[in-house]
C-alpha atoms as a PDB file:
ATOM      1  CA  MET A   1      12.676 -20.837  -3.726  1.00  0.00           C
ATOM      2  CA  THR A   2       9.202 -20.130  -2.177  1.00  0.00           C
ATOM      3  CA  GLN A   3       8.277 -16.513  -1.904  1.00  0.00           C
ATOM      4  CA  LEU A   4       7.953 -15.252   1.784  1.00  0.00           C
ATOM      5  CA  ARG A   5       4.906 -13.280   3.044  1.00  0.00           C
ATOM      6  CA  GLY A   6       5.218  -9.596   2.452  1.00  0.00           C
ATOM      7  CA  GLN A   7       8.358 -10.029   0.063  1.00  0.00           C
ATOM      8  CA  LEU A   8       8.655  -7.789  -2.675  1.00  0.00           C
ATOM      9  CA  THR A   9       9.194  -9.676  -5.931  1.00  0.00           C
ATOM     10  CA  SER A  10       9.854  -9.056  -9.542  1.00  0.00           C
ATOM     11  CA  ARG A  11       6.022  -9.895 -10.182  1.00  0.00           C
ATOM     12  CA  ILE A  12       4.928  -7.432  -7.771  1.00  0.00           C
ATOM     13  CA  LYS A  13       7.193  -4.624  -9.154  1.00  0.00           C
ATOM     14  CA  LYS A  14       5.989  -5.608 -12.677  1.00  0.00           C
ATOM     15  CA  ARG A  15       2.268  -5.372 -11.571  1.00  0.00           C
ATOM     16  CA  SER A  16       2.745  -2.212  -9.673  1.00  0.00           C
ATOM     17  CA  LYS A  17       4.432  -0.481 -12.730  1.00  0.00           C
ATOM     18  CA  GLU A  18       1.285  -1.600 -14.854  1.00  0.00           C
ATOM     19  CA  LEU A  19      -1.173  -0.411 -12.209  1.00  0.00           C
ATOM     20  CA  LEU A  20       0.689   2.819 -10.750  1.00  0.00           C
ATOM     21  CA  GLY A  21       3.304   3.566 -13.491  1.00  0.00           C
ATOM     22  CA  TYR A  22       6.157   2.965 -11.161  1.00  0.00           C
ATOM     23  CA  GLU A  23       7.756  -0.058  -9.204  1.00  0.00           C
ATOM     24  CA  ILE A  24       6.708   0.087  -5.694  1.00  0.00           C
ATOM     25  CA  SER A  25       9.427  -0.579  -2.876  1.00  0.00           C
ATOM     26  CA  GLN A  26       9.459  -2.928   0.173  1.00  0.00           C
ATOM     27  CA  THR A  27       8.395  -0.290   2.204  1.00  0.00           C
ATOM     28  CA  GLU A  28       5.482   0.762   0.155  1.00  0.00           C
ATOM     29  CA  LEU A  29       4.276  -2.816  -0.143  1.00  0.00           C
ATOM     30  CA  ARG A  30       4.179  -3.044   3.765  1.00  0.00           C
ATOM     31  CA  LEU A  31       2.501   0.324   4.081  1.00  0.00           C
ATOM     32  CA  MET A  32      -0.286  -0.718   1.607  1.00  0.00           C
ATOM     33  CA  ALA A  33      -1.023  -3.815   3.909  1.00  0.00           C
ATOM     34  CA  TYR A  34      -1.129  -1.596   6.948  1.00  0.00           C
ATOM     35  CA  ILE A  35      -3.614   1.022   4.842  1.00  0.00           C
ATOM     36  CA  GLN A  36      -5.840  -1.905   3.946  1.00  0.00           C
ATOM     37  CA  PHE A  37      -6.083  -2.780   7.515  1.00  0.00           C
ATOM     38  CA  VAL A  38      -6.617   0.949   8.584  1.00  0.00           C
ATOM     39  CA  MET A  39      -9.367   1.342   6.186  1.00  0.00           C
ATOM     40  CA  CYS A  40     -11.108  -1.969   7.179  1.00  0.00           C
ATOM     41  CA  ASN A  41     -11.003  -0.996  10.635  1.00  0.00           C
ATOM     42  CA  GLU A  42     -10.723   2.601  12.241  1.00  0.00           C
ATOM     43  CA  GLN A  43      -9.983   4.593   9.364  1.00  0.00           C
ATOM     44  CA  LYS A  44      -7.651   6.554  11.081  1.00  0.00           C
ATOM     45  CA  ILE A  45      -3.531   6.465  10.931  1.00  0.00           C
ATOM     46  CA  ASN A  46      -1.817   5.807  14.087  1.00  0.00           C
ATOM     47  CA  ILE A  47       0.752   8.311  13.943  1.00  0.00           C
ATOM     48  CA  ALA A  48       3.095   6.058  16.091  1.00  0.00           C
ATOM     49  CA  SER A  49       2.857   3.421  13.438  1.00  0.00           C
ATOM     50  CA  VAL A  50       4.189   5.156  10.432  1.00  0.00           C
ATOM     51  CA  ASN A  51       7.623   6.517  10.000  1.00  0.00           C
ATOM     52  CA  GLN A  52       9.258   9.552   7.802  1.00  0.00           C
ATOM     53  CA  GLU A  53       9.704   7.131   4.848  1.00  0.00           C
ATOM     54  CA  ASP A  54       5.936   6.184   5.073  1.00  0.00           C
ATOM     55  CA  ARG A  55       4.823   9.746   5.470  1.00  0.00           C
ATOM     56  CA  LYS A  56       6.651  10.485   2.235  1.00  0.00           C
ATOM     57  CA  ILE A  57       4.984   7.378   0.275  1.00  0.00           C
ATOM     58  CA  MET A  58       1.651   8.696   1.669  1.00  0.00           C
ATOM     59  CA  SER A  59       2.304  12.443   0.523  1.00  0.00           C
ATOM     60  CA  LYS A  60       3.022  10.836  -2.889  1.00  0.00           C
ATOM     61  CA  TRP A  61      -0.486   8.918  -2.801  1.00  0.00           C
ATOM     62  CA  ARG A  62      -2.284  12.334  -1.660  1.00  0.00           C
ATOM     63  CA  LYS A  63      -0.646  14.302  -4.530  1.00  0.00           C
ATOM     64  CA  ALA A  64      -1.928  11.457  -6.853  1.00  0.00           C
ATOM     65  CA  ARG A  65      -5.331  11.826  -5.169  1.00  0.00           C
ATOM     66  CA  HIS A  66      -5.354   8.212  -4.205  1.00  0.00           C
ATOM     67  CA  ILE A  67      -5.995   9.101  -0.350  1.00  0.00           C
ATOM     68  CA  GLU A  68      -6.942  11.849   1.902  1.00  0.00           C
ATOM     69  CA  GLY A  69      -6.407  12.570   5.412  1.00  0.00           C
ATOM     70  CA  GLY A  70      -4.657  10.381   7.651  1.00  0.00           C
ATOM     71  CA  ALA A  71      -4.603  10.773  11.483  1.00  0.00           C
ATOM     72  CA  SER A  72      -8.090  12.348  11.898  1.00  0.00           C
ATOM     73  CA  GLN A  73      -9.857  10.358   9.239  1.00  0.00           C
ATOM     74  CA  MET A  74      -8.790   8.710   6.239  1.00  0.00           C
ATOM     75  CA  GLY A  75     -10.323   8.512   2.539  1.00  0.00           C
ATOM     76  CA  ILE A  76      -9.071   6.259  -0.323  1.00  0.00           C
ATOM     77  CA  THR A  77     -10.392   6.083  -3.739  1.00  0.00           C
ATOM     78  CA  ARG A  78     -12.044   2.821  -5.231  1.00  0.00           C
ATOM     79  CA  HIS A  79      -9.656   2.776  -8.016  1.00  0.00           C
ATOM     80  CA  PHE A  80      -6.650   2.797  -5.602  1.00  0.00           C
ATOM     81  CA  TRP A  81      -8.202   0.382  -3.232  1.00  0.00           C
ATOM     82  CA  ASP A  82      -8.568  -2.008  -6.048  1.00  0.00           C
ATOM     83  CA  ILE A  83      -4.875  -1.550  -6.644  1.00  0.00           C
ATOM     84  CA  LEU A  84      -3.872  -2.010  -3.105  1.00  0.00           C
ATOM     85  CA  CYS A  85      -6.038  -5.156  -2.955  1.00  0.00           C
ATOM     86  CA  GLU A  86      -4.472  -6.670  -5.998  1.00  0.00           C
ATOM     87  CA  ILE A  87      -0.940  -5.859  -4.931  1.00  0.00           C
ATOM     88  CA  ILE A  88      -1.327  -7.262  -1.463  1.00  0.00           C
ATOM     89  CA  PHE A  89      -2.818 -10.435  -2.750  1.00  0.00           C
ATOM     90  CA  LEU A  90       0.324 -10.961  -4.967  1.00  0.00           C
ATOM     91  CA  GLY A  91       2.542 -10.247  -1.809  1.00  0.00           C
ATOM     92  CA  TYR A  92       0.615 -11.865   0.991  1.00  0.00           C
ATOM     93  CA  VAL A  93      -1.828 -14.434  -0.272  1.00  0.00           C
ATOM     94  CA  ASP A  94      -0.620 -15.855  -3.587  1.00  0.00           C
ATOM     95  CA  ILE A  95       2.814 -16.677  -2.629  1.00  0.00           C
ATOM     96  CA  ASN A  96       3.380 -20.263  -4.074  1.00  0.00           C
END
């Protein structure tokens, strides 16, 4: 079976557990892709683009000091950026 773009797989769950200490959810994978887009562009979260579940995940990332800010200006650590890039690569690029 071919992996679909943005599909949470056992490989992504395993790698997120290694990098973050827990298995991410499908919602968290999609939010990571959105955060990467935000950081490469305006560096501000569009409040209309995130729901309550997304906000809970971002709150968890803030508590872990991976990100700061949001709607006004967002910041991200280099370490967390590298994690996002690796997980997004597995979920959206290296899908064969």
